[in-house]
PDB file of N, CA and C in Angstrom:
ATOM      1  N   MET A   1      -1.146 -36.093 -53.558  1.00  0.00           N
ATOM      2  CA  MET A   1      -1.796 -35.727 -52.182  1.00  0.00           C
ATOM      3  C   MET A   1      -0.870 -35.799 -51.322  1.00  0.00           C
ATOM      4  N   LYS A   2       0.279 -36.438 -51.348  1.00  0.00           N
ATOM      5  CA  LYS A   2       0.903 -36.736 -49.904  1.00  0.00           C
ATOM      6  C   LYS A   2       1.582 -35.111 -50.229  1.00  0.00           C
ATOM      7  N   THR A   3       1.793 -34.733 -51.025  1.00  0.00           N
ATOM      8  CA  THR A   3       3.017 -33.064 -51.293  1.00  0.00           C
ATOM      9  C   THR A   3       1.444 -32.211 -50.628  1.00  0.00           C
ATOM     10  N   PHE A   4       0.311 -32.603 -50.504  1.00  0.00           N
ATOM     11  CA  PHE A   4      -0.702 -30.962 -50.121  1.00  0.00           C
ATOM     12  C   PHE A   4      -0.398 -31.294 -48.482  1.00  0.00           C
ATOM     13  N   LYS A   5      -0.745 -32.951 -48.210  1.00  0.00           N
ATOM     14  CA  LYS A   5      -0.132 -32.762 -46.405  1.00  0.00           C
ATOM     15  C   LYS A   5       0.736 -32.350 -45.885  1.00  0.00           C
ATOM     16  N   GLU A   6       1.939 -33.125 -46.793  1.00  0.00           N
ATOM     17  CA  GLU A   6       2.804 -32.170 -46.010  1.00  0.00           C
ATOM     18  C   GLU A   6       3.398 -31.031 -46.363  1.00  0.00           C
ATOM     19  N   ASP A   7       2.866 -30.243 -47.284  1.00  0.00           N
ATOM     20  CA  ASP A   7       3.103 -28.957 -47.275  1.00  0.00           C
ATOM     21  C   ASP A   7       1.977 -27.873 -46.607  1.00  0.00           C
ATOM     22  N   PHE A   8       0.346 -28.815 -46.044  1.00  0.00           N
ATOM     23  CA  PHE A   8      -0.191 -28.386 -44.966  1.00  0.00           C
ATOM     24  C   PHE A   8       0.350 -28.323 -43.491  1.00  0.00           C
ATOM     25  N   ILE A   9       1.688 -29.824 -43.556  1.00  0.00           N
ATOM     26  CA  ILE A   9       1.803 -29.307 -41.787  1.00  0.00           C
ATOM     27  C   ILE A   9       2.721 -28.338 -41.916  1.00  0.00           C
ATOM     28  N   LYS A  10       3.406 -28.217 -42.568  1.00  0.00           N
ATOM     29  CA  LYS A  10       4.276 -26.863 -42.699  1.00  0.00           C
ATOM     30  C   LYS A  10       3.911 -25.476 -42.508  1.00  0.00           C
ATOM     31  N   VAL A  11       2.477 -25.655 -43.179  1.00  0.00           N
ATOM     32  CA  VAL A  11       2.552 -23.962 -42.931  1.00  0.00           C
ATOM     33  C   VAL A  11       1.781 -24.256 -41.564  1.00  0.00           C
ATOM     34  N   TYR A  12       0.816 -25.529 -41.453  1.00  0.00           N
ATOM     35  CA  TYR A  12       0.422 -25.064 -39.563  1.00  0.00           C
ATOM     36  C   TYR A  12       1.418 -24.564 -38.676  1.00  0.00           C
ATOM     37  N   HIS A  13       2.828 -25.706 -38.671  1.00  0.00           N
ATOM     38  CA  HIS A  13       3.705 -25.512 -37.831  1.00  0.00           C
ATOM     39  C   HIS A  13       4.701 -24.227 -38.289  1.00  0.00           C
ATOM     40  N   SER A  14       4.580 -23.811 -39.170  1.00  0.00           N
ATOM     41  CA  SER A  14       5.531 -22.295 -39.444  1.00  0.00           C
ATOM     42  C   SER A  14       5.166 -21.072 -40.082  1.00  0.00           C
ATOM     43  N   GLU A  15       3.982 -21.320 -40.884  1.00  0.00           N
ATOM     44  CA  GLU A  15       3.530 -20.401 -41.593  1.00  0.00           C
ATOM     45  C   GLU A  15       1.640 -19.752 -41.016  1.00  0.00           C
ATOM     46  N   ARG A  16       1.787 -19.351 -39.985  1.00  0.00           N
ATOM     47  CA  ARG A  16       0.674 -19.292 -39.494  1.00  0.00           C
ATOM     48  C   ARG A  16      -0.260 -18.239 -39.849  1.00  0.00           C
ATOM     49  N   GLY A  17       0.424 -17.093 -40.261  1.00  0.00           N
ATOM     50  CA  GLY A  17      -0.636 -16.134 -41.355  1.00  0.00           C
ATOM     51  C   GLY A  17      -1.326 -16.900 -42.554  1.00  0.00           C
ATOM     52  N   ILE A  18      -0.457 -17.645 -42.715  1.00  0.00           N
ATOM     53  CA  ILE A  18      -0.616 -18.274 -44.555  1.00  0.00           C
ATOM     54  C   ILE A  18      -1.858 -19.069 -44.158  1.00  0.00           C
ATOM     55  N   LEU A  19      -2.062 -19.714 -42.858  1.00  0.00           N
ATOM     56  CA  LEU A  19      -3.019 -20.617 -42.251  1.00  0.00           C
ATOM     57  C   LEU A  19      -4.518 -19.693 -42.042  1.00  0.00           C
ATOM     58  N   VAL A  20      -4.190 -18.432 -41.483  1.00  0.00           N
ATOM     59  CA  VAL A  20      -5.404 -17.640 -40.890  1.00  0.00           C
ATOM     60  C   VAL A  20      -5.752 -17.643 -42.195  1.00  0.00           C
ATOM     61  N   LEU A  21      -5.134 -16.855 -42.848  1.00  0.00           N
ATOM     62  CA  LEU A  21      -5.585 -16.573 -44.621  1.00  0.00           C
ATOM     63  C   LEU A  21      -6.442 -17.592 -45.057  1.00  0.00           C
ATOM     64  N   MET A  22      -5.841 -18.889 -44.935  1.00  0.00           N
ATOM     65  CA  MET A  22      -6.730 -20.323 -45.769  1.00  0.00           C
ATOM     66  C   MET A  22      -8.362 -20.161 -44.614  1.00  0.00           C
ATOM     67  N   ILE A  23      -8.113 -19.851 -44.081  1.00  0.00           N
ATOM     68  CA  ILE A  23      -9.223 -20.563 -42.850  1.00  0.00           C
ATOM     69  C   ILE A  23     -10.378 -19.268 -43.396  1.00  0.00           C
ATOM     70  N   PHE A  24      -9.649 -18.019 -43.110  1.00  0.00           N
ATOM     71  CA  PHE A  24     -10.619 -16.793 -43.788  1.00  0.00           C
ATOM     72  C   PHE A  24     -11.309 -17.055 -44.899  1.00  0.00           C
ATOM     73  N   ASN A  25     -10.399 -17.460 -46.001  1.00  0.00           N
ATOM     74  CA  ASN A  25     -10.945 -17.296 -47.161  1.00  0.00           C
ATOM     75  C   ASN A  25     -12.228 -18.671 -47.139  1.00  0.00           C
ATOM     76  N   LEU A  26     -11.754 -20.024 -46.520  1.00  0.00           N
ATOM     77  CA  LEU A  26     -12.973 -21.055 -46.597  1.00  0.00           C
ATOM     78  C   LEU A  26     -14.402 -20.282 -45.660  1.00  0.00           C
ATOM     79  N   LEU A  27     -13.948 -19.736 -44.595  1.00  0.00           N
ATOM     80  CA  LEU A  27     -15.327 -19.138 -43.825  1.00  0.00           C
ATOM     81  C   LEU A  27     -15.785 -17.840 -44.644  1.00  0.00           C
ATOM     82  N   SER A  28     -15.368 -17.187 -45.399  1.00  0.00           N
ATOM     83  CA  SER A  28     -15.993 -16.422 -46.464  1.00  0.00           C
ATOM     84  C   SER A  28     -16.484 -16.631 -47.770  1.00  0.00           C
ATOM     85  N   SER A  29     -15.993 -17.922 -48.271  1.00  0.00           N
ATOM     86  CA  SER A  29     -16.321 -18.261 -49.678  1.00  0.00           C
ATOM     87  C   SER A  29     -17.509 -18.971 -49.285  1.00  0.00           C
ATOM     88  N   ILE A  30     -17.903 -19.757 -48.228  1.00  0.00           N
ATOM     89  CA  ILE A  30     -18.747 -20.151 -47.508  1.00  0.00           C
ATOM     90  C   ILE A  30     -20.074 -19.340 -47.247  1.00  0.00           C
ATOM     91  N   ALA A  31     -19.705 -18.070 -46.673  1.00  0.00           N
ATOM     92  CA  ALA A  31     -20.187 -17.354 -46.749  1.00  0.00           C
ATOM     93  C   ALA A  31     -21.106 -16.519 -47.863  1.00  0.00           C
ATOM     94  N   LEU A  32     -20.539 -16.736 -48.510  1.00  0.00           N
ATOM     95  CA  LEU A  32     -20.588 -16.384 -50.034  1.00  0.00           C
ATOM     96  C   LEU A  32     -21.841 -17.630 -50.382  1.00  0.00           C
ATOM     97  N   LEU A  33     -21.571 -18.747 -50.379  1.00  0.00           N
ATOM     98  CA  LEU A  33     -22.101 -20.012 -50.927  1.00  0.00           C
ATOM     99  C   LEU A  33     -23.849 -19.792 -50.465  1.00  0.00           C
ATOM    100  N   VAL A  34     -23.569 -19.753 -49.523  1.00  0.00           N
ATOM    101  CA  VAL A  34     -25.030 -19.784 -48.189  1.00  0.00           C
ATOM    102  C   VAL A  34     -25.940 -18.057 -49.027  1.00  0.00           C
ATOM    103  N   PHE A  35     -25.318 -17.472 -48.874  1.00  0.00           N
ATOM    104  CA  PHE A  35     -25.411 -16.102 -49.526  1.00  0.00           C
ATOM    105  C   PHE A  35     -26.469 -15.798 -50.266  1.00  0.00           C
ATOM    106  N   SER A  36     -25.329 -16.535 -51.291  1.00  0.00           N
ATOM    107  CA  SER A  36     -26.209 -16.755 -52.726  1.00  0.00           C
ATOM    108  C   SER A  36     -27.095 -17.815 -52.833  1.00  0.00           C
ATOM    109  N   LEU A  37     -27.154 -18.903 -52.224  1.00  0.00           N
ATOM    110  CA  LEU A  37     -28.048 -20.029 -52.456  1.00  0.00           C
ATOM    111  C   LEU A  37     -29.565 -19.644 -51.600  1.00  0.00           C
ATOM    112  N   ILE A  38     -29.448 -19.070 -50.887  1.00  0.00           N
ATOM    113  CA  ILE A  38     -30.228 -18.947 -50.022  1.00  0.00           C
ATOM    114  C   ILE A  38     -31.547 -17.306 -51.093  1.00  0.00           C
ATOM    115  N   HIS A  39     -30.574 -16.524 -51.175  1.00  0.00           N
ATOM    116  CA  HIS A  39     -31.093 -15.619 -52.584  1.00  0.00           C
ATOM    117  C   HIS A  39     -30.783 -16.192 -54.670  1.00  0.00           C
ATOM    118  N   LEU A  40     -31.251 -17.015 -54.328  1.00  0.00           N
ATOM    119  CA  LEU A  40     -31.488 -17.931 -55.813  1.00  0.00           C
ATOM    120  C   LEU A  40     -32.322 -16.984 -56.207  1.00  0.00           C
ATOM    121  N   ASN A  41     -33.658 -17.607 -55.652  1.00  0.00           N
ATOM    122  CA  ASN A  41     -35.110 -16.951 -56.236  1.00  0.00           C
ATOM    123  C   ASN A  41     -35.455 -18.421 -57.282  1.00  0.00           C
ATOM    124  N   PRO A  42     -35.644 -19.631 -57.388  1.00  0.00           N
ATOM    125  CA  PRO A  42     -36.083 -19.924 -58.258  1.00  0.00           C
ATOM    126  C   PRO A  42     -37.305 -19.933 -59.211  1.00  0.00           C
ATOM    127  N   ASN A  43     -38.270 -19.154 -58.359  1.00  0.00           N
ATOM    128  CA  ASN A  43     -39.449 -19.080 -58.614  1.00  0.00           C
ATOM    129  C   ASN A  43     -39.590 -17.833 -59.577  1.00  0.00           C
ATOM    130  N   SER A  44     -38.507 -16.827 -60.284  1.00  0.00           N
ATOM    131  CA  SER A  44     -39.072 -15.678 -60.445  1.00  0.00           C
ATOM    132  C   SER A  44     -38.612 -15.674 -62.185  1.00  0.00           C
ATOM    133  N   SER A  45     -38.890 -15.315 -63.203  1.00  0.00           N
ATOM    134  CA  SER A  45     -38.525 -15.871 -64.496  1.00  0.00           C
ATOM    135  C   SER A  45     -37.392 -15.026 -64.891  1.00  0.00           C
ATOM    136  N   VAL A  46     -37.516 -13.785 -64.537  1.00  0.00           N
ATOM    137  CA  VAL A  46     -36.629 -12.564 -64.533  1.00  0.00           C
ATOM    138  C   VAL A  46     -35.455 -12.122 -63.923  1.00  0.00           C
ATOM    139  N   VAL A  47     -34.589 -11.990 -63.508  1.00  0.00           N
ATOM    140  CA  VAL A  47     -33.841 -11.866 -62.437  1.00  0.00           C
ATOM    141  C   VAL A  47     -32.498 -10.680 -63.656  1.00  0.00           C
ATOM    142  N   LYS A  48     -31.900  -9.879 -62.914  1.00  0.00           N
ATOM    143  CA  LYS A  48     -31.263  -9.092 -63.319  1.00  0.00           C
ATOM    144  C   LYS A  48     -29.697  -9.680 -63.431  1.00  0.00           C
ATOM    145  N   ILE A  49     -28.713 -10.212 -64.331  1.00  0.00           N
ATOM    146  CA  ILE A  49     -27.691 -11.211 -64.254  1.00  0.00           C
ATOM    147  C   ILE A  49     -26.309 -10.284 -64.347  1.00  0.00           C
ATOM    148  N   GLY A  50     -26.760  -9.218 -64.772  1.00  0.00           N
ATOM    149  CA  GLY A  50     -25.248  -8.174 -65.215  1.00  0.00           C
ATOM    150  C   GLY A  50     -25.613  -7.235 -65.244  1.00  0.00           C
ATOM    151  N   TYR A  51     -24.205  -6.095 -65.211  1.00  0.00           N
ATOM    152  CA  TYR A  51     -24.439  -4.797 -65.759  1.00  0.00           C
ATOM    153  C   TYR A  51     -23.369  -4.553 -67.127  1.00  0.00           C
ATOM    154  N   GLY A  52     -24.204  -3.502 -68.094  1.00  0.00           N
ATOM    155  CA  GLY A  52     -22.958  -2.934 -68.759  1.00  0.00           C
ATOM    156  C   GLY A  52     -23.229  -1.783 -68.735  1.00  0.00           C
ATOM    157  N   ASP A  53     -21.920  -1.430 -69.048  1.00  0.00           N
ATOM    158  CA  ASP A  53     -22.168   0.320 -69.404  1.00  0.00           C
ATOM    159  C   ASP A  53     -22.546   1.200 -70.213  1.00  0.00           C
ATOM    160  N   ILE A  54     -23.040   0.518 -71.364  1.00  0.00           N
ATOM    161  CA  ILE A  54     -24.039   1.133 -72.247  1.00  0.00           C
ATOM    162  C   ILE A  54     -25.565   0.777 -71.822  1.00  0.00           C
ATOM    163  N   GLY A  55     -25.727  -0.651 -72.024  1.00  0.00           N
ATOM    164  CA  GLY A  55     -26.970  -1.007 -71.626  1.00  0.00           C
ATOM    165  C   GLY A  55     -27.372  -1.087 -70.055  1.00  0.00           C
ATOM    166  N   GLY A  56     -26.901  -0.900 -69.350  1.00  0.00           N
ATOM    167  CA  GLY A  56     -27.548  -0.632 -67.766  1.00  0.00           C
ATOM    168  C   GLY A  56     -27.401  -2.614 -67.952  1.00  0.00           C
ATOM    169  N   TYR A  57     -28.301  -2.838 -66.503  1.00  0.00           N
ATOM    170  CA  TYR A  57     -28.424  -3.936 -66.629  1.00  0.00           C
ATOM    171  C   TYR A  57     -29.365  -4.550 -66.928  1.00  0.00           C
ATOM    172  N   HIS A  58     -28.378  -5.954 -67.295  1.00  0.00           N
ATOM    173  CA  HIS A  58     -28.575  -7.027 -68.322  1.00  0.00           C
ATOM    174  C   HIS A  58     -30.030  -8.096 -68.108  1.00  0.00           C
ATOM    175  N   ASP A  59     -30.933  -8.676 -68.573  1.00  0.00           N
ATOM    176  CA  ASP A  59     -31.890  -9.720 -67.523  1.00  0.00           C
ATOM    177  C   ASP A  59     -31.787 -11.004 -68.562  1.00  0.00           C
ATOM    178  N   GLY A  60     -31.856 -11.874 -66.646  1.00  0.00           N
ATOM    179  CA  GLY A  60     -31.727 -13.138 -68.051  1.00  0.00           C
ATOM    180  C   GLY A  60     -32.801 -14.500 -66.601  1.00  0.00           C
ATOM    181  N   THR A  61     -32.258 -15.484 -66.777  1.00  0.00           N
ATOM    182  CA  THR A  61     -32.483 -16.459 -65.532  1.00  0.00           C
ATOM    183  C   THR A  61     -32.219 -16.979 -64.434  1.00  0.00           C
ATOM    184  N   TRP A  62     -33.642 -17.345 -64.118  1.00  0.00           N
ATOM    185  CA  TRP A  62     -32.079 -17.678 -62.493  1.00  0.00           C
ATOM    186  C   TRP A  62     -30.770 -18.523 -62.190  1.00  0.00           C
ATOM    187  N   VAL A  63     -31.096 -19.994 -63.580  1.00  0.00           N
ATOM    188  CA  VAL A  63     -29.945 -20.463 -63.947  1.00  0.00           C
ATOM    189  C   VAL A  63     -28.410 -19.732 -64.144  1.00  0.00           C
ATOM    190  N   ASP A  64     -28.496 -18.688 -64.589  1.00  0.00           N
ATOM    191  CA  ASP A  64     -27.441 -17.669 -64.861  1.00  0.00           C
ATOM    192  C   ASP A  64     -27.285 -16.973 -63.486  1.00  0.00           C
ATOM    193  N   MET A  65     -27.676 -17.445 -62.734  1.00  0.00           N
ATOM    194  CA  MET A  65     -27.166 -16.848 -61.088  1.00  0.00           C
ATOM    195  C   MET A  65     -26.395 -17.993 -60.307  1.00  0.00           C
ATOM    196  N   LEU A  66     -26.569 -18.825 -61.212  1.00  0.00           N
ATOM    197  CA  LEU A  66     -25.725 -20.338 -60.410  1.00  0.00           C
ATOM    198  C   LEU A  66     -24.010 -20.143 -60.867  1.00  0.00           C
ATOM    199  N   THR A  67     -24.163 -19.044 -61.296  1.00  0.00           N
ATOM    200  CA  THR A  67     -22.399 -18.921 -61.300  1.00  0.00           C
ATOM    201  C   THR A  67     -22.020 -17.956 -59.620  1.00  0.00           C
ATOM    202  N   PHE A  68     -22.769 -17.780 -58.881  1.00  0.00           N
ATOM    203  CA  PHE A  68     -22.454 -16.820 -57.834  1.00  0.00           C
ATOM    204  C   PHE A  68     -22.121 -18.437 -56.842  1.00  0.00           C
ATOM    205  N   PRO A  69     -23.029 -19.282 -56.874  1.00  0.00           N
ATOM    206  CA  PRO A  69     -22.475 -20.679 -56.034  1.00  0.00           C
ATOM    207  C   PRO A  69     -21.082 -20.789 -56.349  1.00  0.00           C
ATOM    208  N   LEU A  70     -20.904 -21.200 -57.993  1.00  0.00           N
ATOM    209  CA  LEU A  70     -19.946 -21.632 -58.138  1.00  0.00           C
ATOM    210  C   LEU A  70     -18.591 -20.905 -58.384  1.00  0.00           C
ATOM    211  N   LEU A  71     -18.634 -19.652 -58.189  1.00  0.00           N
ATOM    212  CA  LEU A  71     -17.048 -19.104 -57.625  1.00  0.00           C
ATOM    213  C   LEU A  71     -17.401 -19.568 -56.105  1.00  0.00           C
ATOM    214  N   ALA A  72     -18.089 -19.740 -55.477  1.00  0.00           N
ATOM    215  CA  ALA A  72     -17.920 -19.736 -54.360  1.00  0.00           C
ATOM    216  C   ALA A  72     -16.768 -20.975 -53.725  1.00  0.00           C
ATOM    217  N   VAL A  73     -17.640 -21.785 -54.172  1.00  0.00           N
ATOM    218  CA  VAL A  73     -16.897 -23.495 -54.155  1.00  0.00           C
ATOM    219  C   VAL A  73     -15.613 -23.025 -54.839  1.00  0.00           C
ATOM    220  N   ILE A  74     -15.301 -22.686 -56.090  1.00  0.00           N
ATOM    221  CA  ILE A  74     -13.771 -21.962 -56.261  1.00  0.00           C
ATOM    222  C   ILE A  74     -13.158 -21.551 -56.188  1.00  0.00           C
ATOM    223  N   PHE A  75     -13.657 -20.657 -54.783  1.00  0.00           N
ATOM    224  CA  PHE A  75     -12.742 -19.602 -54.321  1.00  0.00           C
ATOM    225  C   PHE A  75     -12.325 -20.428 -52.860  1.00  0.00           C
ATOM    226  N   GLY A  76     -13.613 -21.220 -52.554  1.00  0.00           N
ATOM    227  CA  GLY A  76     -13.378 -22.322 -50.952  1.00  0.00           C
ATOM    228  C   GLY A  76     -12.005 -22.972 -50.843  1.00  0.00           C
ATOM    229  N   ALA A  77     -12.575 -23.960 -52.171  1.00  0.00           N
ATOM    230  CA  ALA A  77     -12.047 -25.180 -52.024  1.00  0.00           C
ATOM    231  C   ALA A  77     -10.470 -25.085 -53.152  1.00  0.00           C
ATOM    232  N   PHE A  78     -11.085 -25.160 -54.384  1.00  0.00           N
ATOM    233  CA  PHE A  78     -10.030 -24.758 -55.334  1.00  0.00           C
ATOM    234  C   PHE A  78      -8.852 -23.938 -55.183  1.00  0.00           C
ATOM    235  N   HIS A  79      -9.230 -22.630 -54.473  1.00  0.00           N
ATOM    236  CA  HIS A  79      -7.900 -22.091 -54.231  1.00  0.00           C
ATOM    237  C   HIS A  79      -7.294 -22.565 -52.921  1.00  0.00           C
ATOM    238  N   SER A  80      -7.595 -22.833 -52.178  1.00  0.00           N
ATOM    239  CA  SER A  80      -7.002 -23.396 -50.474  1.00  0.00           C
ATOM    240  C   SER A  80      -5.953 -24.312 -51.228  1.00  0.00           C
ATOM    241  N   LEU A  81      -6.127 -24.964 -51.966  1.00  0.00           N
ATOM    242  CA  LEU A  81      -5.717 -26.389 -52.234  1.00  0.00           C
ATOM    243  C   LEU A  81      -4.685 -25.366 -53.937  1.00  0.00           C
ATOM    244  N   LEU A  82      -4.656 -24.017 -54.404  1.00  0.00           N
ATOM    245  CA  LEU A  82      -3.850 -23.816 -55.272  1.00  0.00           C
ATOM    246  C   LEU A  82      -2.912 -22.991 -54.419  1.00  0.00           C
ATOM    247  N   ALA A  83      -3.367 -22.305 -52.857  1.00  0.00           N
ATOM    248  CA  ALA A  83      -2.421 -21.798 -51.939  1.00  0.00           C
ATOM    249  C   ALA A  83      -1.260 -23.067 -51.278  1.00  0.00           C
ATOM    250  N   LEU A  84      -1.811 -23.728 -51.652  1.00  0.00           N
ATOM    251  CA  LEU A  84      -0.434 -25.287 -50.897  1.00  0.00           C
ATOM    252  C   LEU A  84       0.726 -25.135 -51.980  1.00  0.00           C
ATOM    253  N   ARG A  85       0.158 -25.613 -53.150  1.00  0.00           N
ATOM    254  CA  ARG A  85       1.169 -25.523 -54.784  1.00  0.00           C
ATOM    255  C   ARG A  85       1.793 -24.130 -54.255  1.00  0.00           C
ATOM    256  N   ILE A  86       1.177 -23.190 -54.336  1.00  0.00           N
ATOM    257  CA  ILE A  86       2.233 -22.282 -54.795  1.00  0.00           C
ATOM    258  C   ILE A  86       3.113 -22.361 -53.798  1.00  0.00           C
ATOM    259  N   PHE A  87       2.508 -21.886 -52.270  1.00  0.00           N
ATOM    260  CA  PHE A  87       3.374 -22.086 -51.172  1.00  0.00           C
ATOM    261  C   PHE A  87       4.508 -23.200 -51.443  1.00  0.00           C
ATOM    262  N   HIS A  88       4.667 -24.142 -51.705  1.00  0.00           N
ATOM    263  CA  HIS A  88       5.323 -25.303 -52.091  1.00  0.00           C
ATOM    264  C   HIS A  88       6.298 -24.638 -53.216  1.00  0.00           C
ATOM    265  N   LYS A  89       5.979 -24.055 -54.301  1.00  0.00           N
ATOM    266  CA  LYS A  89       6.633 -24.075 -55.362  1.00  0.00           C
ATOM    267  C   LYS A  89       7.154 -22.880 -55.160  1.00  0.00           C
ATOM    268  N   ARG A  90       6.387 -21.102 -55.060  1.00  0.00           N
ATOM    269  CA  ARG A  90       6.991 -19.830 -55.130  1.00  0.00           C
ATOM    270  C   ARG A  90       7.613 -19.569 -52.909  1.00  0.00           C
ATOM    271  N   GLY A  91       6.462 -20.184 -52.295  1.00  0.00           N
ATOM    272  CA  GLY A  91       7.450 -19.684 -50.971  1.00  0.00           C
ATOM    273  C   GLY A  91       5.774 -19.018 -50.438  1.00  0.00           C
ATOM    274  N   GLY A  92       6.225 -18.763 -49.102  1.00  0.00           N
ATOM    275  CA  GLY A  92       5.165 -18.020 -48.234  1.00  0.00           C
ATOM    276  C   GLY A  92       4.603 -16.563 -48.381  1.00  0.00           C
ATOM    277  N   GLY A  93       5.880 -15.919 -49.127  1.00  0.00           N
ATOM    278  CA  GLY A  93       4.828 -14.694 -49.782  1.00  0.00           C
ATOM    279  C   GLY A  93       3.778 -14.487 -50.748  1.00  0.00           C
ATOM    280  N   MET A  94       4.315 -15.206 -51.664  1.00  0.00           N
ATOM    281  CA  MET A  94       3.521 -15.286 -53.002  1.00  0.00           C
ATOM    282  C   MET A  94       1.899 -16.109 -52.600  1.00  0.00           C
ATOM    283  N   ALA A  95       2.493 -16.849 -51.512  1.00  0.00           N
ATOM    284  CA  ALA A  95       0.962 -17.816 -51.344  1.00  0.00           C
ATOM    285  C   ALA A  95       0.168 -16.828 -50.465  1.00  0.00           C
ATOM    286  N   LYS A  96       0.875 -16.129 -49.319  1.00  0.00           N
ATOM    287  CA  LYS A  96       0.001 -14.721 -48.875  1.00  0.00           C
ATOM    288  C   LYS A  96      -0.688 -13.688 -49.700  1.00  0.00           C
ATOM    289  N   PHE A  97       0.121 -13.790 -50.974  1.00  0.00           N
ATOM    290  CA  PHE A  97      -0.432 -12.670 -51.737  1.00  0.00           C
ATOM    291  C   PHE A  97      -1.324 -13.132 -52.496  1.00  0.00           C
ATOM    292  N   PHE A  98      -1.685 -14.634 -53.288  1.00  0.00           N
ATOM    293  CA  PHE A  98      -2.622 -15.018 -53.584  1.00  0.00           C
ATOM    294  C   PHE A  98      -3.752 -15.317 -52.794  1.00  0.00           C
ATOM    295  N   LEU A  99      -3.751 -15.106 -51.549  1.00  0.00           N
ATOM    296  CA  LEU A  99      -4.586 -15.691 -50.898  1.00  0.00           C
ATOM    297  C   LEU A  99      -5.881 -14.283 -50.909  1.00  0.00           C
ATOM    298  N   ILE A 100      -3.935 -13.355 -49.860  1.00  0.00           N
ATOM    299  CA  ILE A 100      -5.260 -11.582 -50.410  1.00  0.00           C
ATOM    300  C   ILE A 100      -5.898 -11.060 -51.628  1.00  0.00           C
ATOM    301  N   THR A 101      -5.633 -11.840 -52.827  1.00  0.00           N
ATOM    302  CA  THR A 101      -5.770 -11.279 -53.590  1.00  0.00           C
ATOM    303  C   THR A 101      -7.295 -12.521 -54.002  1.00  0.00           C
ATOM    304  N   THR A 102      -7.518 -13.653 -53.492  1.00  0.00           N
ATOM    305  CA  THR A 102      -8.973 -14.210 -53.263  1.00  0.00           C
ATOM    306  C   THR A 102      -9.735 -13.945 -52.381  1.00  0.00           C
ATOM    307  N   THR A 103      -9.409 -13.217 -51.593  1.00  0.00           N
ATOM    308  CA  THR A 103      -9.972 -12.208 -50.129  1.00  0.00           C
ATOM    309  C   THR A 103     -11.028 -11.046 -50.796  1.00  0.00           C
ATOM    310  N   ALA A 104     -10.156 -10.694 -51.840  1.00  0.00           N
ATOM    311  CA  ALA A 104     -10.585  -9.389 -52.413  1.00  0.00           C
ATOM    312  C   ALA A 104     -11.066  -9.975 -53.431  1.00  0.00           C
ATOM    313  N   LEU A 105     -11.027 -11.177 -54.212  1.00  0.00           N
ATOM    314  CA  LEU A 105     -11.981 -11.441 -54.957  1.00  0.00           C
ATOM    315  C   LEU A 105     -13.261 -12.219 -54.820  1.00  0.00           C
ATOM    316  N   ILE A 106     -12.936 -12.550 -53.463  1.00  0.00           N
ATOM    317  CA  ILE A 106     -14.667 -12.339 -53.183  1.00  0.00           C
ATOM    318  C   ILE A 106     -15.372 -11.507 -51.862  1.00  0.00           C
ATOM    319  N   ALA A 107     -15.036 -10.706 -52.080  1.00  0.00           N
ATOM    320  CA  ALA A 107     -15.208  -9.351 -51.712  1.00  0.00           C
ATOM    321  C   ALA A 107     -16.611  -8.319 -52.642  1.00  0.00           C
ATOM    322  N   SER A 108     -15.551  -8.959 -53.818  1.00  0.00           N
ATOM    323  CA  SER A 108     -16.446  -7.861 -55.236  1.00  0.00           C
ATOM    324  C   SER A 108     -17.019  -8.811 -55.503  1.00  0.00           C
ATOM    325  N   THR A 109     -16.888 -10.295 -55.579  1.00  0.00           N
ATOM    326  CA  THR A 109     -18.260 -10.999 -55.570  1.00  0.00           C
ATOM    327  C   THR A 109     -19.826 -10.569 -54.969  1.00  0.00           C
ATOM    328  N   PHE A 110     -19.294 -10.627 -53.670  1.00  0.00           N
ATOM    329  CA  PHE A 110     -20.492 -10.120 -52.574  1.00  0.00           C
ATOM    330  C   PHE A 110     -20.931  -9.051 -53.299  1.00  0.00           C
ATOM    331  N   LEU A 111     -20.032  -7.929 -53.388  1.00  0.00           N
ATOM    332  CA  LEU A 111     -20.708  -6.356 -54.014  1.00  0.00           C
ATOM    333  C   LEU A 111     -21.693  -6.184 -54.849  1.00  0.00           C
ATOM    334  N   VAL A 112     -21.083  -7.261 -55.824  1.00  0.00           N
ATOM    335  CA  VAL A 112     -21.544  -7.597 -56.914  1.00  0.00           C
ATOM    336  C   VAL A 112     -22.879  -8.117 -57.368  1.00  0.00           C
ATOM    337  N   LEU A 113     -22.855  -9.449 -56.294  1.00  0.00           N
ATOM    338  CA  LEU A 113     -23.887 -10.036 -56.202  1.00  0.00           C
ATOM    339  C   LEU A 113     -24.688  -9.351 -55.560  1.00  0.00           C
ATOM    340  N   LEU A 114     -24.768  -8.315 -54.331  1.00  0.00           N
ATOM    341  CA  LEU A 114     -25.252  -7.447 -53.587  1.00  0.00           C
ATOM    342  C   LEU A 114     -26.095  -6.132 -54.971  1.00  0.00           C
ATOM    343  N   ARG A 115     -25.666  -5.923 -55.754  1.00  0.00           N
ATOM    344  CA  ARG A 115     -25.660  -4.916 -56.972  1.00  0.00           C
ATOM    345  C   ARG A 115     -27.252  -5.041 -57.289  1.00  0.00           C
ATOM    346  N   LEU A 116     -27.022  -6.784 -57.768  1.00  0.00           N
ATOM    347  CA  LEU A 116     -27.692  -7.131 -58.845  1.00  0.00           C
ATOM    348  C   LEU A 116     -29.171  -7.572 -58.339  1.00  0.00           C
ATOM    349  N   LEU A 117     -29.148  -7.795 -56.734  1.00  0.00           N
ATOM    350  CA  LEU A 117     -29.903  -8.306 -55.702  1.00  0.00           C
ATOM    351  C   LEU A 117     -30.908  -6.936 -55.592  1.00  0.00           C
ATOM    352  N   GLY A 118     -29.916  -5.923 -55.591  1.00  0.00           N
ATOM    353  CA  GLY A 118     -30.723  -4.817 -55.449  1.00  0.00           C
ATOM    354  C   GLY A 118     -31.849  -3.973 -56.195  1.00  0.00           C
ATOM    355  N   GLU A 119     -31.312  -4.695 -57.715  1.00  0.00           N
ATOM    356  CA  GLU A 119     -31.371  -3.625 -59.042  1.00  0.00           C
ATOM    357  C   GLU A 119     -33.268  -4.633 -59.148  1.00  0.00           C
ATOM    358  N   GLY A 120     -32.737  -6.129 -59.022  1.00  0.00           N
ATOM    359  CA  GLY A 120     -33.919  -7.297 -59.042  1.00  0.00           C
ATOM    360  C   GLY A 120     -35.031  -6.992 -58.554  1.00  0.00           C
TER     361      GLY A 120
END
């Protein structure tokens, strides 16, 4: 835990771009968490949970939609800590690449959730 604190202080003082990306990832994952929890809809018995090219949309229960809040927590908390670890081991460039990739994953998760909610 001591290395995370030291790495965070080093990022704060020298690598402001990584800090901005970490804050943006945290805020966008919180937005994904709130949005996915608001649209969870536990009263419905059948919801659209996925899309396949051959079979179209797949039906499931609302419990299957808990993957979206779980992804939001993973993207927000775990990926920020993982970015600090990557910064410590590989440097700032690789940490920025990782955080930009995580931002793209959050955006694509929003897109999938919006498409599933539109069909349901």
